[in-house]
Amino acid sequence: MKFITEFRDSNLAESIIKLLRKEAYPDSNLMEFCGGHTVAIFRSGIREVVPKNVKMLSGPGCPVCVTSNSDIDKAGKVVRYSDVILTTFGDMMKVPGSYDSLYDLRAKGYDIRVVYSTIDALKIAEENKNKKIVFLGIGFETTAPTIAASIIEAKRRNINNYFVISVLKLTIPAIKKLLSLGEVKVNGIIGPGHVSTITGSNDWKFLPDEYKIPCVLTGFEPLDILLGIKSLLDMIKQNKPELVTEYLRSVKPEGNIIAKEMIEKVFIVDDSDWRGFNVIEKSGLKISKEFEEFDAEKVFDLKTEPSIKNCGCKCDEVLRGIISPVECSLFREVCNPENPLGPCMVSSEGACAAYYNYYVE
């Protein structure tokens, strides 16, 4: 299979669906850990065609969603420096902090600019030598190499007015934390596709080896996901947990060596604050001593008051798979994409936004 249309072949999809319905699978909870999968599963209607005793759960796989109030509070503090221009990705603008979102702060007159890449942020730094340009760096292993590259490039080109607030997070510690909590029984895991292109498939062997949970790494097209679900259910039925890579066209066992080396060059592993989990040990990336002149937390005083959670928002429970968005009393009527009370409704990859856009009772 070489072309995208082949991965959307309705006849092949129907064949897999028939096989799923033909088998007698045990009651199972399958959890995906990637916001891209969350949206793809909803958009393709896959939740409606899996066996009725198979429940699809969304885990903490949306980087915007797991960005904590304290992360946003740091950005809210740095932008109050009169010589600072804050840059970030567009989906961060409406994520609520303890007091304000970046969207609210920009409305108050602070200079906050949406960029499409770190290259844009570097360009703004070159064009505004009298200003300090701070980039709010969020994301998982997928985004980390591009942010690392921007810091390396800033050093090479002597762009000394460019700084990064690194709130980058690592997926595996969060998965381990969720499983250790034991709040939700997880029988099979759809591993994060984009992250795995960086980390490689070998990093996910711990799931069948240590936790006896089967894991499938899939792409994002309907056939990718359907094949992944069937593979998981077959392993659950046979009680033979393994790691299966369906996404062979993008994921290698060793991952992207160059990207991983770039991450290791610029960052060190540190604790990180996750929405839904609080602080998880060794789950974040901070800027190393070699590049500390670009570390906004070393240049500015970004210490903040203890964060305040949004009253009534159930995003924490949604991220841990304890409840579905429709079980939150604020869903749709009070909390919606136009008026999001939590980040799970802000990001298009968030579970709440996916339910809002695609779920039909």
Protein backbone atom coordinates (compact mmCIF):
# COMPACT_ATOMS: atom_id res chain seq x y z
CA MET A 1 0.00 0.00 0.00
CA LYS A 2 1.56 3.25 -1.19
CA PHE A 3 -1.21 5.79 -1.59
CA ILE A 4 -3.39 7.50 1.00
CA THR A 5 -6.60 6.39 -0.74
CA GLU A 6 -5.63 2.77 -0.16
CA PHE A 7 -5.67 3.34 3.59
CA ARG A 8 -9.25 4.66 3.25
CA ASP A 9 -10.61 1.80 1.13
CA SER A 10 -14.17 1.26 2.34
CA ASN A 11 -14.31 -2.33 1.08
CA LEU A 12 -11.20 -3.29 3.04
CA ALA A 13 -12.54 -1.46 6.07
CA GLU A 14 -15.81 -3.37 5.85
CA SER A 15 -13.89 -6.65 5.70
CA ILE A 16 -12.02 -5.82 8.91
CA ILE A 17 -15.24 -4.71 10.62
CA LYS A 18 -16.88 -8.04 9.73
CA LEU A 19 -13.94 -9.90 11.24
CA LEU A 20 -14.19 -7.81 14.41
CA ARG A 21 -17.89 -8.59 14.74
CA LYS A 22 -17.44 -12.27 13.92
CA GLU A 23 -15.02 -12.94 16.78
CA ALA A 24 -16.15 -13.26 20.39
CA TYR A 25 -13.77 -10.90 22.14
CA PRO A 26 -13.68 -10.43 25.93
CA ASP A 27 -14.80 -7.13 27.48
CA SER A 28 -11.92 -4.75 26.85
CA ASN A 29 -10.84 -1.16 27.42
CA LEU A 30 -8.54 0.14 24.70
CA MET A 31 -6.78 3.45 25.30
CA GLU A 32 -5.08 5.67 22.76
CA PHE A 33 -2.32 8.06 23.85
CA CYS A 34 -2.27 10.40 20.89
CA GLY A 35 -4.53 13.36 20.15
CA GLY A 36 -4.26 12.61 16.44
CA HIS A 37 -5.69 9.15 17.06
CA THR A 38 -8.46 10.61 19.24
CA VAL A 39 -9.68 12.77 16.37
CA ALA A 40 -9.12 10.11 13.69
CA ILE A 41 -11.12 7.51 15.63
CA PHE A 42 -14.05 9.91 16.01
CA ARG A 43 -13.90 11.31 12.48
CA SER A 44 -13.83 7.84 10.94
CA GLY A 45 -16.73 6.59 13.07
CA ILE A 46 -14.61 3.76 14.44
CA ARG A 47 -16.17 3.99 17.89
CA GLU A 48 -19.48 3.00 16.32
CA VAL A 49 -18.20 -0.14 14.58
CA VAL A 50 -16.06 -1.84 17.23
CA PRO A 51 -17.77 -4.64 19.23
CA LYS A 52 -20.17 -3.24 21.80
CA ASN A 53 -18.19 -4.75 24.67
CA VAL A 54 -15.04 -2.90 23.60
CA LYS A 55 -14.66 0.57 25.08
CA MET A 56 -12.41 3.17 23.48
CA LEU A 57 -10.73 5.46 26.00
CA SER A 58 -8.68 8.61 25.43
CA GLY A 59 -5.54 9.05 27.51
CA PRO A 60 -3.24 12.04 28.09
CA GLY A 61 -2.03 12.19 24.49
CA CYS A 62 -2.88 15.78 23.60
CA PRO A 63 0.08 18.08 24.44
CA VAL A 64 -2.09 21.18 24.70
CA CYS A 65 -4.48 19.38 27.04
CA VAL A 66 -1.81 18.25 29.50
CA THR A 67 -0.21 21.71 29.69
CA SER A 68 -0.80 22.70 33.30
CA ASN A 69 -2.12 25.92 34.78
CA SER A 70 1.36 26.57 36.17
CA ASP A 71 2.84 26.35 32.66
CA ILE A 72 0.41 28.99 31.41
CA ASP A 73 1.03 31.09 34.52
CA LYS A 74 4.76 31.24 33.66
CA ALA A 75 3.94 32.55 30.20
CA GLY A 76 1.51 35.01 31.74
CA LYS A 77 4.25 36.33 34.02
CA VAL A 78 6.97 36.70 31.38
CA VAL A 79 4.74 38.67 29.03
CA ARG A 80 4.34 41.35 31.69
CA TYR A 81 7.98 42.37 31.17
CA SER A 82 7.75 45.52 29.05
CA ASP A 83 10.52 44.44 26.65
CA VAL A 84 9.12 40.95 25.97
CA ILE A 85 7.27 39.60 22.95
CA LEU A 86 5.78 36.19 23.68
CA THR A 87 5.41 33.75 20.78
CA THR A 88 3.56 30.45 20.76
CA PHE A 89 1.43 28.11 18.70
CA GLY A 90 -2.15 29.18 18.05
CA ASP A 91 -3.84 26.39 19.98
CA MET A 92 -2.21 27.62 23.19
CA MET A 93 -3.98 30.97 23.12
CA LYS A 94 -7.22 29.90 24.81
CA VAL A 95 -5.76 27.41 27.29
CA PRO A 96 -6.78 28.74 30.70
CA GLY A 97 -4.21 29.46 33.37
CA SER A 98 -4.98 30.15 37.00
CA TYR A 99 -6.08 33.71 36.20
CA ASP A 100 -5.89 34.42 32.46
CA SER A 101 -5.42 32.72 29.14
CA LEU A 102 -2.91 34.13 26.66
CA TYR A 103 -5.88 35.24 24.59
CA ASP A 104 -7.13 37.29 27.57
CA LEU A 105 -3.68 38.79 28.11
CA ARG A 106 -3.33 39.81 24.49
CA ALA A 107 -6.73 41.52 24.71
CA LYS A 108 -5.29 43.52 27.62
CA GLY A 109 -2.55 44.82 25.37
CA TYR A 110 0.37 42.47 25.97
CA ASP A 111 2.44 41.56 22.91
CA ILE A 112 1.65 37.91 22.22
CA ARG A 113 2.09 36.57 18.70
CA VAL A 114 0.99 33.30 17.14
CA VAL A 115 3.68 31.54 15.10
CA TYR A 116 3.54 28.42 12.96
CA SER A 117 7.07 27.28 13.78
CA THR A 118 10.13 28.18 15.80
CA ILE A 119 11.59 29.59 12.57
CA ASP A 120 8.95 32.33 12.75
CA ALA A 121 9.94 33.08 16.35
CA LEU A 122 13.62 33.38 15.37
CA LYS A 123 12.66 35.74 12.56
CA ILE A 124 10.75 37.94 15.00
CA ALA A 125 13.85 38.00 17.23
CA GLU A 126 16.04 39.13 14.33
CA GLU A 127 13.55 41.84 13.37
CA ASN A 128 13.18 43.14 16.95
CA LYS A 129 16.69 43.44 18.36
CA ASN A 130 15.50 45.79 21.10
CA LYS A 131 13.02 43.21 22.40
CA LYS A 132 13.35 39.86 24.15
CA ILE A 133 11.50 37.17 22.19
CA VAL A 134 10.22 34.31 24.33
CA PHE A 135 8.87 31.14 22.75
CA LEU A 136 6.49 29.02 24.84
CA GLY A 137 7.69 25.54 23.91
CA ILE A 138 5.01 22.92 24.43
CA GLY A 139 4.63 19.42 23.08
CA PHE A 140 5.95 15.89 23.32
CA GLU A 141 8.94 14.17 21.73
CA THR A 142 7.56 15.11 18.31
CA THR A 143 7.93 18.86 18.88
CA ALA A 144 11.09 18.75 20.96
CA PRO A 145 13.55 18.39 18.03
CA THR A 146 12.26 21.52 16.29
CA ILE A 147 12.56 23.55 19.49
CA ALA A 148 16.02 22.13 20.09
CA ALA A 149 16.97 23.08 16.53
CA SER A 150 15.83 26.67 17.09
CA ILE A 151 18.05 26.97 20.16
CA ILE A 152 21.04 25.49 18.31
CA GLU A 153 20.40 27.87 15.41
CA ALA A 154 20.07 30.88 17.72
CA LYS A 155 23.45 30.06 19.23
CA ARG A 156 25.05 29.53 15.81
CA ARG A 157 23.73 32.84 14.49
CA ASN A 158 24.32 34.72 17.75
CA ILE A 159 20.64 35.64 18.16
CA ASN A 160 20.96 36.58 21.81
CA ASN A 161 17.45 37.97 22.30
CA TYR A 162 15.70 34.61 21.78
CA PHE A 163 14.54 32.57 24.79
CA VAL A 164 12.44 29.47 25.38
CA ILE A 165 10.12 28.45 28.20
CA SER A 166 10.40 24.68 27.92
CA VAL A 167 7.31 22.89 29.15
CA LEU A 168 8.02 19.93 26.86
CA LYS A 169 6.81 16.59 28.17
CA LEU A 170 7.71 12.92 27.71
CA THR A 171 4.94 10.42 27.04
CA ILE A 172 6.23 7.20 28.60
CA PRO A 173 6.45 8.48 32.21
CA ALA A 174 2.84 9.68 31.92
CA ILE A 175 1.68 6.30 30.62
CA LYS A 176 3.46 4.57 33.48
CA LYS A 177 1.92 7.02 35.96
CA LEU A 178 -1.59 6.42 34.63
CA LEU A 179 -1.18 2.65 34.81
CA SER A 180 0.27 2.82 38.32
CA LEU A 181 -2.73 4.79 39.58
CA GLY A 182 -5.01 1.88 38.69
CA GLU A 183 -8.07 4.12 38.35
CA VAL A 184 -9.02 2.61 35.00
CA LYS A 185 -8.47 -0.92 33.76
CA VAL A 186 -6.56 -0.74 30.47
CA ASN A 187 -6.45 -3.98 28.47
CA GLY A 188 -4.71 -2.70 25.34
CA ILE A 189 -2.92 0.44 24.20
CA ILE A 190 -2.77 2.20 20.86
CA GLY A 191 0.63 3.84 21.13
CA PRO A 192 1.27 7.39 19.91
CA GLY A 193 2.07 7.31 16.20
CA HIS A 194 3.85 10.64 15.75
CA VAL A 195 5.84 10.30 18.96
CA SER A 196 6.95 6.83 17.92
CA THR A 197 8.49 8.17 14.71
CA ILE A 198 10.95 9.98 17.00
CA THR A 199 11.35 7.53 19.90
CA GLY A 200 11.19 4.35 17.82
CA SER A 201 9.13 1.25 18.52
CA ASN A 202 11.70 -0.29 20.88
CA ASP A 203 10.77 2.21 23.59
CA TRP A 204 7.31 0.65 23.90
CA LYS A 205 8.40 -2.89 24.71
CA PHE A 206 7.93 -2.12 28.40
CA LEU A 207 4.15 -2.37 28.03
CA PRO A 208 3.97 -6.10 27.20
CA ASP A 209 7.18 -6.93 29.10
CA GLU A 210 6.47 -5.12 32.39
CA TYR A 211 2.72 -4.55 32.44
CA LYS A 212 1.56 -7.50 30.29
CA ILE A 213 -0.50 -5.08 28.20
CA PRO A 214 -0.47 -5.44 24.40
CA CYS A 215 0.51 -2.34 22.45
CA VAL A 216 0.03 -1.49 18.79
CA LEU A 217 1.69 1.43 17.00
CA THR A 218 -0.57 2.53 14.16
CA GLY A 219 -0.95 5.31 11.64
CA PHE A 220 -3.91 7.65 11.47
CA GLU A 221 -5.98 6.41 8.54
CA PRO A 222 -9.11 4.27 9.06
CA LEU A 223 -7.43 1.02 7.98
CA ASP A 224 -4.42 1.75 10.19
CA ILE A 225 -6.60 2.08 13.25
CA LEU A 226 -8.98 -0.78 12.44
CA LEU A 227 -6.05 -3.17 11.92
CA GLY A 228 -4.51 -1.92 15.15
CA ILE A 229 -7.72 -2.54 17.10
CA LYS A 230 -8.09 -6.04 15.65
CA SER A 231 -4.48 -6.84 16.50
CA LEU A 232 -5.00 -5.66 20.09
CA LEU A 233 -8.21 -7.63 20.54
CA ASP A 234 -6.63 -10.78 19.10
CA MET A 235 -3.74 -10.50 21.57
CA ILE A 236 -6.15 -9.87 24.47
CA LYS A 237 -8.25 -12.90 23.50
CA GLN A 238 -5.18 -15.12 23.21
CA ASN A 239 -3.63 -13.65 26.37
CA LYS A 240 -0.41 -13.03 24.45
CA PRO A 241 0.61 -9.40 25.01
CA GLU A 242 3.15 -8.19 22.47
CA LEU A 243 4.33 -5.00 20.80
CA VAL A 244 3.10 -4.79 17.21
CA THR A 245 4.11 -2.04 14.80
CA GLU A 246 1.46 -1.53 12.13
CA TYR A 247 2.88 1.90 11.24
CA LEU A 248 5.93 0.45 9.48
CA ARG A 249 5.94 3.16 6.82
CA SER A 250 6.98 5.73 9.44
CA VAL A 251 8.14 4.01 12.63
CA LYS A 252 11.52 2.30 12.90
CA PRO A 253 12.70 0.25 15.88
CA GLU A 254 15.46 2.77 16.66
CA GLY A 255 13.40 5.87 15.85
CA ASN A 256 14.83 9.05 14.37
CA ILE A 257 18.44 9.02 15.52
CA ILE A 258 19.22 12.58 14.38
CA ALA A 259 16.15 14.01 16.15
CA LYS A 260 16.94 12.10 19.34
CA GLU A 261 20.55 13.32 19.32
CA MET A 262 19.33 16.88 18.92
CA ILE A 263 17.02 16.50 21.93
CA GLU A 264 19.84 15.04 24.03
CA LYS A 265 22.18 17.85 22.99
CA VAL A 266 19.89 20.68 24.12
CA PHE A 267 17.73 19.26 26.91
CA ILE A 268 17.99 17.35 30.16
CA VAL A 269 15.24 15.23 31.69
CA ASP A 270 13.51 16.79 34.69
CA ASP A 271 10.24 16.59 36.61
CA SER A 272 7.22 18.21 34.97
CA ASP A 273 3.76 19.37 36.01
CA TRP A 274 0.98 17.64 34.05
CA ARG A 275 -2.65 18.60 33.99
CA GLY A 276 -4.53 15.68 35.46
CA PHE A 277 -1.52 14.25 37.30
CA ASN A 278 0.34 17.09 39.02
CA VAL A 279 4.13 16.60 38.98
CA ILE A 280 5.43 13.42 37.34
CA GLU A 281 9.06 12.57 37.97
CA LYS A 282 11.45 12.68 35.01
CA SER A 283 8.66 13.45 32.57
CA GLY A 284 9.80 16.78 31.15
CA LEU A 285 12.61 18.40 29.21
CA LYS A 286 14.50 21.41 30.52
CA ILE A 287 17.24 23.34 28.74
CA SER A 288 20.72 22.09 29.58
CA LYS A 289 23.53 24.15 31.08
CA GLU A 290 25.28 24.35 27.70
CA PHE A 291 22.38 26.39 26.32
CA GLU A 292 21.15 28.08 29.51
CA GLU A 293 21.53 31.57 28.02
CA PHE A 294 18.38 30.72 26.01
CA ASP A 295 16.46 29.41 29.03
CA ALA A 296 13.73 31.92 29.87
CA GLU A 297 13.45 30.50 33.38
CA LYS A 298 17.09 31.45 34.01
CA VAL A 299 16.79 34.92 32.46
CA PHE A 300 13.45 36.00 33.94
CA ASP A 301 11.84 35.56 37.33
CA LEU A 302 9.05 33.14 36.45
CA LYS A 303 8.23 31.88 39.92
CA THR A 304 4.46 31.90 40.29
CA GLU A 305 1.93 31.44 43.05
CA PRO A 306 0.47 27.93 43.47
CA SER A 307 -1.86 27.33 40.54
CA ILE A 308 -5.63 27.50 40.91
CA LYS A 309 -7.79 24.92 39.16
CA ASN A 310 -10.84 25.94 37.16
CA CYS A 311 -13.98 25.33 39.15
CA GLY A 312 -16.12 22.52 37.78
CA CYS A 313 -13.85 21.53 34.89
CA LYS A 314 -13.39 17.75 34.66
CA CYS A 315 -10.47 17.82 32.23
CA ASP A 316 -8.26 16.06 34.79
CA GLU A 317 -10.59 13.06 34.94
CA VAL A 318 -11.05 13.03 31.16
CA LEU A 319 -7.28 12.91 30.63
CA ARG A 320 -6.99 9.90 32.93
CA GLY A 321 -9.84 8.08 31.19
CA ILE A 322 -11.99 8.04 34.32
CA ILE A 323 -14.93 9.78 32.63
CA SER A 324 -15.91 10.65 29.09
CA PRO A 325 -16.52 14.33 28.27
CA VAL A 326 -20.30 13.84 28.13
CA GLU A 327 -20.21 12.88 31.82
CA CYS A 328 -19.02 16.40 32.70
CA SER A 329 -21.96 18.61 33.67
CA LEU A 330 -20.39 21.59 31.88
CA PHE A 331 -19.97 19.81 28.54
CA ARG A 332 -21.53 21.51 25.50
CA GLU A 333 -23.92 23.89 27.25
CA VAL A 334 -21.36 25.78 29.37
CA CYS A 335 -18.05 24.53 28.00
CA ASN A 336 -17.67 24.51 24.21
CA PRO A 337 -15.03 25.54 21.63
CA GLU A 338 -16.26 29.14 21.68
CA ASN A 339 -16.10 29.28 25.47
CA PRO A 340 -13.67 26.55 26.62
CA LEU A 341 -13.28 26.15 30.35
CA GLY A 342 -10.52 23.56 30.03
CA PRO A 343 -7.82 22.70 27.49
CA CYS A 344 -9.49 19.43 26.49
CA MET A 345 -12.06 21.64 24.73
CA VAL A 346 -9.47 24.11 23.40
CA SER A 347 -7.36 21.81 21.26
CA SER A 348 -8.90 20.15 18.21
CA GLU A 349 -7.07 17.01 19.39
CA GLY A 350 -8.63 17.17 22.85
CA ALA A 351 -11.15 14.52 23.84
CA CYS A 352 -13.78 17.12 24.75
CA ALA A 353 -13.45 18.91 21.40
CA ALA A 354 -13.62 15.57 19.56
CA TYR A 355 -16.78 14.61 21.44
CA TYR A 356 -18.27 18.04 20.76
CA ASN A 357 -17.58 17.85 17.02
CA TYR A 358 -18.35 14.19 16.32
CA TYR A 359 -20.23 12.48 19.13
CA VAL A 360 -23.90 11.68 18.55
CA GLU A 361 -25.96 10.27 21.42
